[in-house]
C-alpha atoms as a PDB file:
ATOM      1  CA  MET A   1      51.972  -7.139 -79.544  1.00  0.00           C
ATOM      2  CA  GLU A   2      50.889  -7.948 -76.017  1.00  0.00           C
ATOM      3  CA  GLY A   3      47.677  -7.259 -74.170  1.00  0.00           C
ATOM      4  CA  GLU A   4      46.702  -7.529 -70.554  1.00  0.00           C
ATOM      5  CA  LEU A   5      43.914  -9.687 -69.190  1.00  0.00           C
ATOM      6  CA  GLU A   6      43.008  -7.905 -65.964  1.00  0.00           C
ATOM      7  CA  MET A   7      42.552  -9.966 -62.810  1.00  0.00           C
ATOM      8  CA  THR A   8      40.163  -9.212 -59.960  1.00  0.00           C
ATOM      9  CA  VAL A   9      40.443 -10.455 -56.388  1.00  0.00           C
ATOM     10  CA  MET A  10      38.676 -13.795 -56.046  1.00  0.00           C
ATOM     11  CA  TRP A  11      37.718 -13.638 -52.386  1.00  0.00           C
ATOM     12  CA  THR A  12      36.498 -17.227 -52.145  1.00  0.00           C
ATOM     13  CA  LEU A  13      39.941 -18.390 -53.269  1.00  0.00           C
ATOM     14  CA  VAL A  14      41.610 -15.907 -50.919  1.00  0.00           C
ATOM     15  CA  PHE A  15      39.815 -17.489 -47.974  1.00  0.00           C
ATOM     16  CA  PHE A  16      40.297 -21.000 -49.324  1.00  0.00           C
ATOM     17  CA  SER A  17      44.074 -20.609 -49.410  1.00  0.00           C
ATOM     18  CA  LEU A  18      44.104 -18.676 -46.120  1.00  0.00           C
ATOM     19  CA  PHE A  19      42.200 -21.296 -44.128  1.00  0.00           C
ATOM     20  CA  ALA A  20      43.913 -24.200 -45.884  1.00  0.00           C
ATOM     21  CA  GLY A  21      47.250 -22.678 -44.883  1.00  0.00           C
ATOM     22  CA  LEU A  22      46.082 -22.047 -41.331  1.00  0.00           C
ATOM     23  CA  GLY A  23      44.850 -25.625 -40.922  1.00  0.00           C
ATOM     24  CA  ALA A  24      47.961 -27.165 -42.443  1.00  0.00           C
ATOM     25  CA  GLY A  25      50.365 -24.922 -40.533  1.00  0.00           C
ATOM     26  CA  LEU A  26      48.624 -25.380 -37.200  1.00  0.00           C
ATOM     27  CA  PHE A  27      48.560 -29.157 -37.450  1.00  0.00           C
ATOM     28  CA  VAL A  28      52.258 -29.304 -38.334  1.00  0.00           C
ATOM     29  CA  ALA A  29      52.880 -27.174 -35.233  1.00  0.00           C
ATOM     30  CA  VAL A  30      50.888 -29.723 -33.208  1.00  0.00           C
ATOM     31  CA  VAL A  31      53.083 -32.500 -34.619  1.00  0.00           C
ATOM     32  CA  VAL A  32      56.137 -30.610 -33.357  1.00  0.00           C
ATOM     33  CA  THR A  33      54.658 -30.623 -29.832  1.00  0.00           C
ATOM     34  CA  GLU A  34      54.313 -34.396 -30.170  1.00  0.00           C
ATOM     35  CA  TRP A  35      57.974 -34.800 -31.033  1.00  0.00           C
ATOM     36  CA  ARG A  36      59.014 -32.346 -28.331  1.00  0.00           C
ATOM     37  CA  ASN A  37      56.714 -34.111 -25.843  1.00  0.00           C
ATOM     38  CA  ARG A  38      55.184 -30.813 -24.700  1.00  0.00           C
ATOM     39  CA  ALA A  39      51.835 -29.077 -24.302  1.00  0.00           C
ATOM     40  CA  GLU A  40      49.561 -32.127 -24.118  1.00  0.00           C
ATOM     41  CA  ALA A  41      46.586 -29.961 -23.151  1.00  0.00           C
ATOM     42  CA  VAL A  42      46.978 -27.920 -26.343  1.00  0.00           C
ATOM     43  CA  ARG A  43      46.973 -30.759 -28.866  1.00  0.00           C
ATOM     44  CA  PHE A  44      43.293 -31.696 -29.090  1.00  0.00           C
ATOM     45  CA  PRO A  45      41.792 -28.174 -29.346  1.00  0.00           C
ATOM     46  CA  ALA A  46      44.558 -27.123 -31.740  1.00  0.00           C
ATOM     47  CA  ALA A  47      44.013 -30.192 -33.946  1.00  0.00           C
ATOM     48  CA  ALA A  48      40.237 -29.598 -33.900  1.00  0.00           C
ATOM     49  CA  THR A  49      40.814 -25.988 -34.966  1.00  0.00           C
ATOM     50  CA  ALA A  50      43.139 -27.131 -37.754  1.00  0.00           C
ATOM     51  CA  LEU A  51      40.436 -29.519 -38.991  1.00  0.00           C
ATOM     52  CA  ALA A  52      37.793 -26.777 -38.830  1.00  0.00           C
ATOM     53  CA  ALA A  53      40.053 -24.438 -40.808  1.00  0.00           C
ATOM     54  CA  LEU A  54      40.507 -27.063 -43.539  1.00  0.00           C
ATOM     55  CA  ILE A  55      36.744 -27.554 -43.720  1.00  0.00           C
ATOM     56  CA  VAL A  56      36.109 -23.811 -44.010  1.00  0.00           C
ATOM     57  CA  GLY A  57      38.796 -23.619 -46.679  1.00  0.00           C
ATOM     58  CA  GLY A  58      37.235 -26.484 -48.623  1.00  0.00           C
ATOM     59  CA  ILE A  59      33.790 -24.855 -48.462  1.00  0.00           C
ATOM     60  CA  SER A  60      35.267 -21.585 -49.742  1.00  0.00           C
ATOM     61  CA  SER A  61      36.834 -23.396 -52.682  1.00  0.00           C
ATOM     62  CA  VAL A  62      33.561 -25.117 -53.585  1.00  0.00           C
ATOM     63  CA  LEU A  63      31.665 -21.814 -53.357  1.00  0.00           C
ATOM     64  CA  HIS A  64      34.108 -20.328 -55.857  1.00  0.00           C
ATOM     65  CA  LEU A  65      32.673 -22.633 -58.509  1.00  0.00           C
ATOM     66  CA  GLY A  66      29.259 -20.972 -58.267  1.00  0.00           C
ATOM     67  CA  HIS A  67      27.423 -24.289 -58.334  1.00  0.00           C
ATOM     68  CA  PRO A  68      28.838 -26.712 -55.731  1.00  0.00           C
ATOM     69  CA  GLU A  69      28.092 -29.733 -57.925  1.00  0.00           C
ATOM     70  CA  ARG A  70      30.756 -28.498 -60.356  1.00  0.00           C
ATOM     71  CA  ILE A  71      33.394 -29.732 -57.936  1.00  0.00           C
ATOM     72  CA  PHE A  72      32.771 -33.246 -59.279  1.00  0.00           C
ATOM     73  CA  ASN A  73      33.612 -32.059 -62.800  1.00  0.00           C
ATOM     74  CA  ALA A  74      36.835 -30.507 -61.525  1.00  0.00           C
ATOM     75  CA  LEU A  75      37.757 -33.717 -59.732  1.00  0.00           C
ATOM     76  CA  ASN A  76      37.495 -35.642 -62.996  1.00  0.00           C
ATOM     77  CA  HIS A  77      40.869 -34.188 -64.022  1.00  0.00           C
ATOM     78  CA  PRO A  78      43.561 -35.791 -61.821  1.00  0.00           C
ATOM     79  CA  THR A  79      46.327 -33.498 -63.057  1.00  0.00           C
ATOM     80  CA  SER A  80      44.504 -30.256 -62.280  1.00  0.00           C
ATOM     81  CA  GLY A  81      45.494 -28.028 -59.410  1.00  0.00           C
ATOM     82  CA  ILE A  82      42.078 -28.202 -57.743  1.00  0.00           C
ATOM     83  CA  PHE A  83      42.168 -32.017 -57.840  1.00  0.00           C
ATOM     84  CA  LEU A  84      45.553 -32.102 -56.121  1.00  0.00           C
ATOM     85  CA  GLU A  85      44.435 -29.524 -53.564  1.00  0.00           C
ATOM     86  CA  PHE A  86      41.384 -31.575 -52.612  1.00  0.00           C
ATOM     87  CA  VAL A  87      43.363 -34.820 -52.465  1.00  0.00           C
ATOM     88  CA  PHE A  88      45.934 -33.375 -50.077  1.00  0.00           C
ATOM     89  CA  MET A  89      43.252 -31.562 -48.093  1.00  0.00           C
ATOM     90  CA  GLY A  90      41.230 -34.764 -47.794  1.00  0.00           C
ATOM     91  CA  LEU A  91      44.261 -36.797 -46.712  1.00  0.00           C
ATOM     92  CA  ALA A  92      45.264 -34.163 -44.162  1.00  0.00           C
ATOM     93  CA  GLY A  93      41.703 -33.834 -42.831  1.00  0.00           C
ATOM     94  CA  LEU A  94      41.253 -37.596 -42.512  1.00  0.00           C
ATOM     95  CA  GLY A  95      44.608 -37.901 -40.780  1.00  0.00           C
ATOM     96  CA  ILE A  96      43.678 -35.183 -38.297  1.00  0.00           C
ATOM     97  CA  VAL A  97      40.409 -36.974 -37.485  1.00  0.00           C
ATOM     98  CA  VAL A  98      42.324 -40.196 -36.815  1.00  0.00           C
ATOM     99  CA  TYR A  99      44.819 -38.294 -34.683  1.00  0.00           C
ATOM    100  CA  MET A 100      42.040 -36.735 -32.604  1.00  0.00           C
ATOM    101  CA  VAL A 101      40.470 -40.172 -32.066  1.00  0.00           C
ATOM    102  CA  MET A 102      43.837 -41.495 -30.942  1.00  0.00           C
ATOM    103  CA  LEU A 103      44.180 -38.593 -28.518  1.00  0.00           C
ATOM    104  CA  ALA A 104      40.703 -39.201 -27.109  1.00  0.00           C
ATOM    105  CA  ARG A 105      41.326 -42.923 -26.699  1.00  0.00           C
ATOM    106  CA  GLY A 106      44.711 -42.481 -25.076  1.00  0.00           C
ATOM    107  CA  SER A 107      46.778 -44.255 -27.731  1.00  0.00           C
ATOM    108  CA  SER A 108      50.461 -44.791 -27.080  1.00  0.00           C
ATOM    109  CA  ASP A 109      52.854 -41.919 -27.665  1.00  0.00           C
ATOM    110  CA  SER A 110      54.786 -43.769 -30.360  1.00  0.00           C
ATOM    111  CA  SER A 111      51.751 -44.755 -32.451  1.00  0.00           C
ATOM    112  CA  ARG A 112      50.159 -41.321 -32.113  1.00  0.00           C
ATOM    113  CA  ARG A 113      53.423 -39.612 -33.020  1.00  0.00           C
ATOM    114  CA  ALA A 114      53.869 -41.832 -36.081  1.00  0.00           C
ATOM    115  CA  GLU A 115      50.320 -41.161 -37.300  1.00  0.00           C
ATOM    116  CA  ALA A 116      50.686 -37.422 -36.784  1.00  0.00           C
ATOM    117  CA  THR A 117      53.993 -37.379 -38.665  1.00  0.00           C
ATOM    118  CA  VAL A 118      52.490 -39.213 -41.640  1.00  0.00           C
ATOM    119  CA  THR A 119      49.555 -36.757 -41.670  1.00  0.00           C
ATOM    120  CA  ALA A 120      51.942 -33.814 -41.610  1.00  0.00           C
ATOM    121  CA  VAL A 121      53.211 -34.788 -45.090  1.00  0.00           C
ATOM    122  CA  PRO A 122      49.982 -34.014 -47.033  1.00  0.00           C
ATOM    123  CA  ALA A 123      49.494 -30.944 -44.815  1.00  0.00           C
ATOM    124  CA  VAL A 124      52.871 -29.543 -45.860  1.00  0.00           C
ATOM    125  CA  VAL A 125      52.299 -30.445 -49.512  1.00  0.00           C
ATOM    126  CA  LEU A 126      48.862 -28.786 -49.363  1.00  0.00           C
ATOM    127  CA  SER A 127      50.367 -25.505 -48.151  1.00  0.00           C
ATOM    128  CA  PHE A 128      52.679 -25.592 -51.188  1.00  0.00           C
ATOM    129  CA  GLN A 129      50.101 -26.784 -53.705  1.00  0.00           C
ATOM    130  CA  VAL A 130      47.592 -23.992 -53.016  1.00  0.00           C
ATOM    131  CA  GLY A 131      50.257 -21.573 -54.226  1.00  0.00           C
ATOM    132  CA  HIS A 132      51.678 -23.753 -56.976  1.00  0.00           C
ATOM    133  CA  THR A 133      48.259 -23.953 -58.642  1.00  0.00           C
ATOM    134  CA  TYR A 134      48.630 -20.300 -59.624  1.00  0.00           C
ATOM    135  CA  VAL A 135      52.078 -20.642 -61.196  1.00  0.00           C
ATOM    136  CA  MET A 136      51.509 -20.133 -64.917  1.00  0.00           C
ATOM    137  CA  ALA A 137      53.497 -18.552 -67.709  1.00  0.00           C
ATOM    138  CA  SER A 138      50.469 -16.651 -68.997  1.00  0.00           C
ATOM    139  CA  ARG A 139      50.474 -14.503 -65.843  1.00  0.00           C
ATOM    140  CA  PRO A 140      54.039 -13.189 -65.426  1.00  0.00           C
ATOM    141  CA  ALA A 141      53.612 -11.981 -61.833  1.00  0.00           C
ATOM    142  CA  TRP A 142      52.678 -15.540 -60.831  1.00  0.00           C
ATOM    143  CA  ASP A 143      55.230 -17.384 -62.928  1.00  0.00           C
ATOM    144  CA  THR A 144      57.745 -18.074 -60.151  1.00  0.00           C
ATOM    145  CA  ILE A 145      58.427 -20.768 -57.559  1.00  0.00           C
ATOM    146  CA  ILE A 146      58.618 -17.954 -55.013  1.00  0.00           C
ATOM    147  CA  LEU A 147      54.816 -17.824 -54.968  1.00  0.00           C
ATOM    148  CA  PRO A 148      54.132 -21.326 -53.547  1.00  0.00           C
ATOM    149  CA  LEU A 149      57.077 -20.913 -51.186  1.00  0.00           C
ATOM    150  CA  LEU A 150      55.414 -17.735 -49.895  1.00  0.00           C
ATOM    151  CA  TYR A 151      52.204 -19.677 -49.354  1.00  0.00           C
ATOM    152  CA  MET A 152      54.182 -22.227 -47.330  1.00  0.00           C
ATOM    153  CA  ALA A 153      55.804 -19.462 -45.305  1.00  0.00           C
ATOM    154  CA  THR A 154      52.482 -17.809 -44.484  1.00  0.00           C
ATOM    155  CA  ALA A 155      51.104 -21.222 -43.458  1.00  0.00           C
ATOM    156  CA  ALA A 156      54.047 -21.681 -41.095  1.00  0.00           C
ATOM    157  CA  VAL A 157      53.565 -18.194 -39.630  1.00  0.00           C
ATOM    158  CA  MET A 158      49.839 -18.736 -39.071  1.00  0.00           C
ATOM    159  CA  GLY A 159      50.387 -22.196 -37.586  1.00  0.00           C
ATOM    160  CA  CYS A 160      53.093 -21.120 -35.135  1.00  0.00           C
ATOM    161  CA  CYS A 161      51.166 -18.006 -34.156  1.00  0.00           C
ATOM    162  CA  ALA A 162      47.960 -19.992 -33.584  1.00  0.00           C
ATOM    163  CA  LEU A 163      49.836 -22.529 -31.471  1.00  0.00           C
ATOM    164  CA  SER A 164      51.203 -19.720 -29.287  1.00  0.00           C
ATOM    165  CA  LEU A 165      47.606 -18.586 -28.732  1.00  0.00           C
ATOM    166  CA  PHE A 166      46.485 -22.046 -27.603  1.00  0.00           C
ATOM    167  CA  ALA A 167      49.563 -22.421 -25.409  1.00  0.00           C
ATOM    168  CA  ALA A 168      48.989 -19.012 -23.822  1.00  0.00           C
ATOM    169  CA  GLN A 169      45.339 -19.887 -23.177  1.00  0.00           C
ATOM    170  CA  LYS A 170      46.438 -23.083 -21.392  1.00  0.00           C
ATOM    171  CA  LYS A 171      49.202 -21.162 -19.571  1.00  0.00           C
ATOM    172  CA  GLU A 172      51.895 -23.352 -21.135  1.00  0.00           C
ATOM    173  CA  VAL A 173      54.647 -20.763 -20.694  1.00  0.00           C
ATOM    174  CA  GLY A 174      57.460 -22.795 -22.247  1.00  0.00           C
ATOM    175  CA  THR A 175      55.443 -23.739 -25.312  1.00  0.00           C
ATOM    176  CA  THR A 176      54.198 -20.163 -25.709  1.00  0.00           C
ATOM    177  CA  ARG A 177      57.768 -18.887 -25.805  1.00  0.00           C
ATOM    178  CA  ARG A 178      58.936 -21.584 -28.215  1.00  0.00           C
ATOM    179  CA  ALA A 179      55.967 -21.036 -30.522  1.00  0.00           C
ATOM    180  CA  ALA A 180      56.650 -17.297 -30.475  1.00  0.00           C
ATOM    181  CA  TRP A 181      60.273 -17.956 -31.415  1.00  0.00           C
ATOM    182  CA  ALA A 182      59.152 -20.240 -34.250  1.00  0.00           C
ATOM    183  CA  THR A 183      56.807 -17.464 -35.396  1.00  0.00           C
ATOM    184  CA  LEU A 184      59.712 -15.028 -35.530  1.00  0.00           C
ATOM    185  CA  ILE A 185      61.794 -17.434 -37.618  1.00  0.00           C
ATOM    186  CA  SER A 186      58.869 -18.034 -39.990  1.00  0.00           C
ATOM    187  CA  LEU A 187      58.293 -14.289 -40.324  1.00  0.00           C
ATOM    188  CA  ALA A 188      61.969 -13.795 -41.200  1.00  0.00           C
ATOM    189  CA  VAL A 189      61.660 -16.412 -43.960  1.00  0.00           C
ATOM    190  CA  GLU A 190      58.475 -14.743 -45.196  1.00  0.00           C
ATOM    191  CA  LEU A 191      60.203 -11.351 -45.311  1.00  0.00           C
ATOM    192  CA  VAL A 192      63.036 -12.745 -47.446  1.00  0.00           C
ATOM    193  CA  LEU A 193      60.520 -14.313 -49.838  1.00  0.00           C
ATOM    194  CA  ILE A 194      58.503 -11.083 -50.079  1.00  0.00           C
ATOM    195  CA  ILE A 195      61.656  -9.188 -51.049  1.00  0.00           C
ATOM    196  CA  ALA A 196      62.421 -11.896 -53.603  1.00  0.00           C
ATOM    197  CA  TYR A 197      58.888 -11.663 -54.972  1.00  0.00           C
ATOM    198  CA  VAL A 198      59.094  -7.895 -55.418  1.00  0.00           C
ATOM    199  CA  ALA A 199      62.409  -8.444 -57.208  1.00  0.00           C
ATOM    200  CA  HIS A 200      60.657 -10.969 -59.449  1.00  0.00           C
ATOM    201  CA  LEU A 201      58.050  -8.345 -60.361  1.00  0.00           C
ATOM    202  CA  SER A 202      60.884  -6.060 -61.442  1.00  0.00           C
ATOM    203  CA  SER A 203      62.466  -8.657 -63.717  1.00  0.00           C
ATOM    204  CA  ALA A 204      59.496 -10.706 -64.974  1.00  0.00           C
ATOM    205  CA  PRO A 205      59.009 -10.867 -68.755  1.00  0.00           C
ATOM    206  CA  PHE A 206      56.295  -8.898 -70.577  1.00  0.00           C
ATOM    207  CA  ALA A 207      56.739  -5.926 -68.261  1.00  0.00           C
ATOM    208  CA  ASP A 208      53.569  -3.945 -67.669  1.00  0.00           C
ATOM    209  CA  ALA A 209      52.460  -1.277 -65.181  1.00  0.00           C
ATOM    210  CA  SER A 210      49.577  -3.474 -63.988  1.00  0.00           C
ATOM    211  CA  ARG A 211      52.022  -5.942 -62.396  1.00  0.00           C
ATOM    212  CA  SER A 212      55.077  -3.796 -61.715  1.00  0.00           C
ATOM    213  CA  ALA A 213      57.078  -3.409 -58.541  1.00  0.00           C
ATOM    214  CA  ASP A 214      56.488   0.355 -58.734  1.00  0.00           C
ATOM    215  CA  ARG A 215      52.740  -0.224 -58.493  1.00  0.00           C
ATOM    216  CA  VAL A 216      53.311  -2.269 -55.317  1.00  0.00           C
ATOM    217  CA  LEU A 217      55.859  -0.029 -53.637  1.00  0.00           C
ATOM    218  CA  SER A 218      54.588   3.440 -54.542  1.00  0.00           C
ATOM    219  CA  GLY A 219      51.516   3.105 -56.741  1.00  0.00           C
ATOM    220  CA  ASN A 220      47.876   2.368 -56.025  1.00  0.00           C
ATOM    221  CA  LEU A 221      48.786  -0.907 -54.271  1.00  0.00           C
ATOM    222  CA  ALA A 222      51.258   0.728 -51.879  1.00  0.00           C
ATOM    223  CA  ALA A 223      48.748   1.014 -49.002  1.00  0.00           C
ATOM    224  CA  LEU A 224      47.826  -2.663 -49.336  1.00  0.00           C
ATOM    225  CA  PHE A 225      51.499  -3.622 -49.388  1.00  0.00           C
ATOM    226  CA  TRP A 226      52.934  -1.338 -46.693  1.00  0.00           C
ATOM    227  CA  ILE A 227      49.978  -1.276 -44.294  1.00  0.00           C
ATOM    228  CA  GLY A 228      48.307  -4.616 -44.956  1.00  0.00           C
ATOM    229  CA  LEU A 229      51.296  -6.843 -45.611  1.00  0.00           C
ATOM    230  CA  VAL A 230      54.342  -5.160 -44.064  1.00  0.00           C
ATOM    231  CA  LEU A 231      52.850  -3.398 -41.020  1.00  0.00           C
ATOM    232  CA  CYS A 232      49.981  -5.739 -40.189  1.00  0.00           C
ATOM    233  CA  GLY A 233      51.398  -8.999 -41.503  1.00  0.00           C
ATOM    234  CA  LEU A 234      55.026  -8.584 -40.459  1.00  0.00           C
ATOM    235  CA  LEU A 235      55.884  -5.765 -38.042  1.00  0.00           C
ATOM    236  CA  VAL A 236      52.991  -6.159 -35.585  1.00  0.00           C
ATOM    237  CA  PRO A 237      53.415  -9.945 -35.148  1.00  0.00           C
ATOM    238  CA  VAL A 238      57.221  -9.510 -34.920  1.00  0.00           C
ATOM    239  CA  VAL A 239      56.876  -7.085 -32.012  1.00  0.00           C
ATOM    240  CA  LEU A 240      54.220  -9.125 -30.223  1.00  0.00           C
ATOM    241  CA  SER A 241      56.000 -12.435 -30.772  1.00  0.00           C
ATOM    242  CA  TRP A 242      59.222 -10.939 -29.453  1.00  0.00           C
ATOM    243  CA  LEU A 243      57.375  -9.760 -26.341  1.00  0.00           C
ATOM    244  CA  LEU A 244      55.835 -13.228 -25.943  1.00  0.00           C
ATOM    245  CA  ARG A 245      59.224 -14.865 -26.284  1.00  0.00           C
ATOM    246  CA  SER A 246      60.839 -12.563 -23.739  1.00  0.00           C
ATOM    247  CA  GLN A 247      57.733 -12.467 -21.491  1.00  0.00           C
ATOM    248  CA  LYS A 248      58.072  -8.670 -21.171  1.00  0.00           C
ATOM    249  CA  ALA A 249      54.606  -7.554 -22.252  1.00  0.00           C
ATOM    250  CA  GLY A 250      53.478  -6.634 -18.758  1.00  0.00           C
ATOM    251  CA  TRP A 251      50.679  -4.396 -20.033  1.00  0.00           C
ATOM    252  CA  LEU A 252      49.342  -7.207 -22.218  1.00  0.00           C
ATOM    253  CA  SER A 253      48.602 -10.734 -21.111  1.00  0.00           C
ATOM    254  CA  PRO A 254      50.291 -13.503 -23.140  1.00  0.00           C
ATOM    255  CA  PHE A 255      46.872 -14.575 -24.435  1.00  0.00           C
ATOM    256  CA  THR A 256      46.002 -11.041 -25.586  1.00  0.00           C
ATOM    257  CA  SER A 257      49.401 -10.606 -27.247  1.00  0.00           C
ATOM    258  CA  ALA A 258      49.047 -13.920 -29.063  1.00  0.00           C
ATOM    259  CA  ALA A 259      45.467 -13.139 -30.113  1.00  0.00           C
ATOM    260  CA  ILE A 260      46.417  -9.746 -31.559  1.00  0.00           C
ATOM    261  CA  ALA A 261      49.440 -11.274 -33.296  1.00  0.00           C
ATOM    262  CA  LEU A 262      47.291 -13.987 -34.882  1.00  0.00           C
ATOM    263  CA  ALA A 263      44.683 -11.457 -36.013  1.00  0.00           C
ATOM    264  CA  ALA A 264      47.461  -9.349 -37.559  1.00  0.00           C
ATOM    265  CA  VAL A 265      48.972 -12.387 -39.280  1.00  0.00           C
ATOM    266  CA  LEU A 266      45.593 -13.359 -40.742  1.00  0.00           C
ATOM    267  CA  GLY A 267      45.091  -9.787 -41.933  1.00  0.00           C
ATOM    268  CA  GLY A 268      48.513  -9.833 -43.541  1.00  0.00           C
ATOM    269  CA  GLY A 269      47.695 -13.163 -45.181  1.00  0.00           C
ATOM    270  CA  ILE A 270      44.563 -11.688 -46.704  1.00  0.00           C
ATOM    271  CA  ALA A 271      46.528  -8.639 -47.886  1.00  0.00           C
ATOM    272  CA  PHE A 272      49.177 -10.819 -49.543  1.00  0.00           C
ATOM    273  CA  ARG A 273      46.590 -12.909 -51.371  1.00  0.00           C
ATOM    274  CA  ALA A 274      44.596  -9.865 -52.483  1.00  0.00           C
ATOM    275  CA  LEU A 275      47.825  -8.290 -53.719  1.00  0.00           C
ATOM    276  CA  MET A 276      48.725 -11.431 -55.653  1.00  0.00           C
ATOM    277  CA  PHE A 277      45.363 -11.557 -57.415  1.00  0.00           C
ATOM    278  CA  THR A 278      45.490  -7.866 -58.261  1.00  0.00           C
ATOM    279  CA  LEU A 279      48.892  -8.357 -59.881  1.00  0.00           C
ATOM    280  CA  GLY A 280      47.721 -11.359 -61.877  1.00  0.00           C
ATOM    281  CA  SER A 281      47.126  -9.640 -65.217  1.00  0.00           C
ATOM    282  CA  GLY A 282      47.718 -11.965 -68.129  1.00  0.00           C
ATOM    283  CA  VAL A 283      49.498 -11.667 -71.446  1.00  0.00           C
ATOM    284  CA  LYS A 284      47.929 -12.635 -74.731  1.00  0.00           C
ATOM    285  CA  GLN A 285      49.709 -12.626 -78.018  1.00  0.00           C
ATOM    286  CA  TYR A 286      47.884 -11.081 -80.977  1.00  0.00           C
ATOM    287  CA  PHE A 287      49.021 -11.815 -84.488  1.00  0.00           C
ATOM    288  CA  GLY A 288      48.058  -9.543 -87.319  1.00  0.00           C
ATOM    289  CA  GLY A 289      47.572 -10.577 -90.907  1.00  0.00           C
ATOM    290  CA  LEU A 290      50.327 -10.417 -93.427  1.00  0.00           C
END
C-alpha cells in the first residue's frame, strides 16, 4: 500500500535555485563574449551582477535552514547535495571575483579568457547540481534526469536574456541580437525538456493524482503551468527575443524589450520551481502484520 507525503513550496529554495541559475548562466554568457571578442563594456557589470546573484542565492539557501549556523552541519557531509552546491557556488564566485580583478587591472586577453573559461566549469556544474539534488526515488515526479537538465536550460535562458539586457543598455547592437538568438535557442531546448517532463509525470511509477500530468495540464496547477510557465516563461520571451533579434520592435526600445523579457523569464523560472515543489509528493511503503 502506498501513501503520499505532501510537499509544499519551499520559497527560500525556489529563490536559491533561481538566483544560482541566473548567476551561473549570466557568467557563462560573459565567457562567450570573451571568446567572441565582443561587448567589452558589458563584461564587468554583467560579471558583477552574476556574482551578486550567486550571493543572493547562497543567502536564500542558508535562510532555508532556519538557523544560519546549521550550514556548518550540512557542510560536514561531503556527499550531500547542499555540500556540492556550496562547493561549486564558492568556486564559481571566487573565479568571478578573480575575473573582475583581471578586468579592472587590464590583464591580457589570453590570461583573462583562460581564467574565465576555467570558472565557467563550476558555474555550469552548479546549474546542474541545484536540480540534481532533488532527484530521488522516494519522490516519483522528481526521479528523472530531466529535472536537472531543465534547471540547466532555465539557467541558460536567464543568462542569455540578462546578457541581452546589458548589451542593449550599452547599445551593443550586434551582441544584443546574438544574445537574443541564444535566448531563443535556449528557450527551444527548455520547451523540449518541459514536454519531456510532462511525459515523465504520465509514466512515473506509483501514479497518484497529486503528481499527475492531468493535474498540471487541466487541474488545479493548470494556471501555474499555462500562464506562469508557458505564457510568461516561454511565449513572452520568445516574442520579445525575436523582435530583439530582428530589431523590429519600433514601439519598444531594445532595452525595454530585453527588460520585459528578462522579467518574464524570471517569472517563468519561479513558476517552474513552484510547480516542481508542488508535484513533489512522496511515496512511503506501509507493511501490515501477518
